[in-house]
Amino acid sequence: MAKVLSFPDGAEVPIEQTKTKETIADHQTKQFADSLADDIVIQMISSLQAEGLSVGKADGHKTFLDVGIFLEAFRAMIYRDFDLSHPFHKITDKLMYVEKLKGRKYSVVDYSGTKIEKVSVPEENVIEFESDIDFNDTN
């Protein structure tokens, strides 16, 4: 029997894991999307810090939750582009709507009190944003 290897790390995927609803291609696409989201958000945070903001710094506690929600929204956007489901899609779909005006589309936030139901996130999808990278190190 052939071995199934995970991309990009090359680790062997257990046979029982290959029989789940999620295909190997979906699993690899999710890994790519997660890496892409993390890399781009880290670059963005680094750029903001270079501009003098404390976003993403250990002492930047004011923006800690904002960074977390931005990362998940960004990750969900990438997932949606790959036609993958993400729990944050439910939040976006309840909080945002499309307005059409003079042939143009605009995304609009519905701040009118739309109730967002609690979204259950499987434990393996919980991602902690923490880094030992010193974004101030220019070397």
Protein backbone atom coordinates (compact mmCIF):
# COMPACT_ATOMS: atom_id res chain seq x y z
CA MET A 1 0.00 0.00 0.00
CA ALA A 2 1.30 3.46 -0.89
CA LYS A 3 2.11 6.04 1.77
CA VAL A 4 0.32 9.39 1.77
CA LEU A 5 2.61 12.31 2.59
CA SER A 6 1.57 15.73 3.80
CA PHE A 7 2.70 18.86 1.98
CA PRO A 8 4.94 20.80 2.64
CA ASP A 9 6.51 18.93 5.56
CA GLY A 10 6.47 15.44 4.00
CA ALA A 11 5.10 13.81 7.16
CA GLU A 12 3.24 10.56 6.63
CA VAL A 13 -0.55 10.96 6.92
CA PRO A 14 -2.14 8.07 8.87
CA ILE A 15 -4.45 5.93 6.71
CA GLU A 16 -7.50 6.58 8.93
CA GLN A 17 -6.98 10.33 8.41
CA THR A 18 -7.15 9.93 4.63
CA LYS A 19 -10.62 8.39 4.88
CA THR A 20 -12.21 11.52 6.39
CA LYS A 21 -14.47 13.96 4.58
CA GLU A 22 -11.60 16.37 4.14
CA THR A 23 -9.56 15.41 1.13
CA ILE A 24 -5.79 15.44 1.14
CA ALA A 25 -5.91 18.30 -1.36
CA ASP A 26 -8.16 20.31 0.99
CA HIS A 27 -5.83 19.59 3.90
CA GLN A 28 -2.81 20.76 1.91
CA THR A 29 -4.68 23.83 0.66
CA LYS A 30 -5.62 24.72 4.25
CA GLN A 31 -1.97 24.37 5.30
CA PHE A 32 -0.93 26.65 2.45
CA ALA A 33 -3.68 29.19 3.28
CA ASP A 34 -2.71 29.17 6.97
CA SER A 35 0.97 29.72 6.17
CA LEU A 36 0.15 32.47 3.68
CA ALA A 37 -2.14 34.28 6.14
CA ASP A 38 0.41 34.04 8.97
CA ASP A 39 3.27 35.24 6.78
CA ILE A 40 1.40 38.21 5.34
CA VAL A 41 -0.02 39.33 8.69
CA ILE A 42 3.44 39.09 10.29
CA GLN A 43 4.85 41.23 7.46
CA MET A 44 2.04 43.75 7.93
CA ILE A 45 2.62 43.92 11.69
CA SER A 46 6.33 44.38 11.09
CA SER A 47 5.57 47.28 8.72
CA LEU A 48 3.23 48.90 11.25
CA GLN A 49 5.89 48.58 13.95
CA ALA A 50 8.45 50.15 11.60
CA GLU A 51 6.05 53.12 11.42
CA GLY A 52 6.16 53.44 15.22
CA LEU A 53 2.99 51.59 16.19
CA SER A 54 2.99 49.00 18.97
CA VAL A 55 0.59 46.65 17.13
CA GLY A 56 1.56 43.04 17.75
CA LYS A 57 4.20 43.80 20.39
CA ALA A 58 4.14 41.98 23.71
CA ASP A 59 3.39 45.30 25.44
CA GLY A 60 0.84 46.25 22.76
CA HIS A 61 -2.03 44.83 24.81
CA LYS A 62 -4.45 47.45 23.45
CA THR A 63 -4.47 45.80 20.03
CA PHE A 64 -4.08 42.14 20.99
CA LEU A 65 -7.70 41.19 20.25
CA ASP A 66 -7.74 43.32 17.08
CA VAL A 67 -4.73 41.43 15.72
CA GLY A 68 -6.41 38.12 16.52
CA ILE A 69 -9.68 38.97 14.80
CA PHE A 70 -7.87 40.52 11.83
CA LEU A 71 -5.77 37.38 11.40
CA GLU A 72 -8.84 35.12 11.47
CA ALA A 73 -10.79 37.37 9.08
CA PHE A 74 -7.81 37.45 6.74
CA ARG A 75 -7.39 33.67 6.97
CA ALA A 76 -11.12 33.21 6.27
CA MET A 77 -10.85 35.44 3.21
CA ILE A 78 -8.08 33.24 1.81
CA TYR A 79 -10.07 30.09 2.66
CA ARG A 80 -13.11 31.50 0.82
CA ASP A 81 -10.98 32.22 -2.24
CA PHE A 82 -10.00 28.53 -2.27
CA ASP A 83 -13.66 27.47 -1.70
CA LEU A 84 -12.81 26.09 1.75
CA SER A 85 -15.08 26.55 4.75
CA HIS A 86 -13.95 28.52 7.79
CA PRO A 87 -15.99 29.29 10.96
CA PHE A 88 -15.39 33.03 10.49
CA HIS A 89 -17.45 32.97 7.27
CA LYS A 90 -20.63 32.78 9.39
CA ILE A 91 -19.61 35.94 11.23
CA THR A 92 -18.75 37.81 8.03
CA ASP A 93 -21.97 36.73 6.33
CA LYS A 94 -24.07 38.01 9.27
CA LEU A 95 -22.12 41.21 9.84
CA MET A 96 -21.58 42.36 6.25
CA TYR A 97 -23.79 42.93 3.23
CA VAL A 98 -23.27 44.14 -0.33
CA GLU A 99 -24.70 47.49 -1.38
CA LYS A 100 -25.13 48.24 -5.10
CA LEU A 101 -25.13 51.84 -6.22
CA LYS A 102 -24.82 53.12 -9.77
CA GLY A 103 -23.42 49.85 -11.06
CA ARG A 104 -20.78 49.55 -8.32
CA LYS A 105 -20.68 47.17 -5.36
CA TYR A 106 -19.67 48.17 -1.85
CA SER A 107 -19.23 45.98 1.22
CA VAL A 108 -21.00 47.49 4.20
CA VAL A 109 -20.81 46.61 7.91
CA ASP A 110 -24.20 46.15 9.56
CA TYR A 111 -23.70 47.81 12.95
CA SER A 112 -27.45 47.84 13.61
CA GLY A 113 -27.22 45.13 16.22
CA THR A 114 -27.26 42.03 14.05
CA LYS A 115 -27.03 39.16 16.46
CA ILE A 116 -24.04 36.97 15.75
CA GLU A 117 -24.60 33.50 17.12
CA LYS A 118 -21.75 31.77 18.86
CA VAL A 119 -19.68 29.83 16.33
CA SER A 120 -18.34 26.51 17.52
CA VAL A 121 -14.70 26.09 16.53
CA PRO A 122 -13.17 22.61 16.64
CA GLU A 123 -10.11 22.48 18.91
CA GLU A 124 -7.74 21.76 16.01
CA ASN A 125 -8.81 25.07 14.40
CA VAL A 126 -7.90 27.22 17.40
CA ILE A 127 -4.81 29.19 16.54
CA GLU A 128 -2.85 31.19 19.05
CA PHE A 129 -1.03 34.22 17.72
CA GLU A 130 2.19 34.49 19.62
CA SER A 131 5.67 35.15 18.39
CA ASP A 132 9.20 35.36 19.70
CA ILE A 133 10.20 37.34 16.62
CA ASP A 134 11.58 40.78 17.42
CA PHE A 135 10.01 42.91 14.71
CA ASN A 136 12.26 45.82 15.76
CA ASP A 137 15.40 43.87 14.88
CA THR A 138 16.57 45.32 11.57
CA ASN A 139 19.51 42.93 11.17
